[in-house]
Amino acid sequence: FLYLVAEFCCGFFVILILGNFWFLAVLYLLWLYLDWQTPCAGGRRSQWVRGWTVWKYFREYFPIHLIKTSDLNPNHNYLLGFHPHGVLVAGAFGNFCTGPSFKNLFPGLTPYLHIMPIWFGCPFFREYIMSAGMVSASKESVSYVLNNKGGGHASVIVIGGAEESLNAHPGSLTLNILKRKGFIKMALKHGAHLVPVFSFGENELFKQVANPKGSWLRNVQEKLQKIMGFALPLFHARGVFQYSFGLIPYRQPIHTVVGSPIPVKQNLNPSTEEIDQLHVLYLQKLRQLFEEHKRNYGIPEHKSLIFE
């Protein structure tokens, strides 16, 4: 859905340039220049946009649920690591950018979903995604959110990133996380408590063309990702009136489970050893969260997370 909206916004901008409204395009480009840093400075959320009725139907389609396992004290700032990426990241968008679920479960906390900076270069689309509470995933942006002196901010980062979307096959439990330690360093620098989040059902929404590591398709996808900054998984699901083929995600329930916080003491200059130590603890807590809840959401007892 977001991809379609992005294409529509870009197309509308092209129409303004080519049509008789080029002056509006020029004015918008001026606004874009003046407003360029806003996605890195907390964005510009709109409760009206976040509360649109369409998001209620979006959440109910799958449906999407947010599960709380522990209180989060609003006097602290938090960095929530979201897993897995999946193709759509539906659980992250549905729970942290729409509706009242997060606010009701964690009063006093404001969630900020960090996404790739490239999306904020798309005319008009950037205004839309900022209205939903999305901000840039740049270091500057994460620092801005976590630097709130009074606490009450929650950075939500999809740790596996675009690369992990290439593993988004039904039943897959592979997470790209072993080499991803930047979020750990950010948590230490700002003293933000770490919270593992696992979204059960995220990988079941689409079927992806087989692309095992080493295959020609996977090699092409990985090369394109390095060039463009985002991955291009080849996926399909159901149609509007039939279930055999289409791009509409399958109706599979998503249960996004928010784990218990890992207390983090501020360290402005953490050493490599300190970062590695906290990273290992985070992996342990993430695996523990998955193991404690997998039976509730149809994961076989013998299956466990695979860290790459």
Foldseek 3Di string as FASTA:
>chain_A
DLVVVLVVLLVVLVCCCPDPNVVVNVVLVVVCVVCVCQLLQQFDAALVLQEDPVLVVVCVQLPEAEAEDDADDQQAEAEEAEDDCAQPNSNCLSQQQHDCRVCVRHPLAHEEEADDSVQCVRHPSVNSVSRSRYGHPDLSSLLNQLQPNRGRYYYYYNQQAQLSNQQLAVPAQEGAHPPRLPVLLSCQQSQHWYKYKYKPPRSQFKHFDDDDPPDPVSVVQVVVCVVPVHGDTHIWAQDDVGTPTHRGTDSHYIYMYIGDTHGHHHDNDDDPVRSVVVSVVVVVRNQVVCQVCVVVRPRDNPDGHHYD
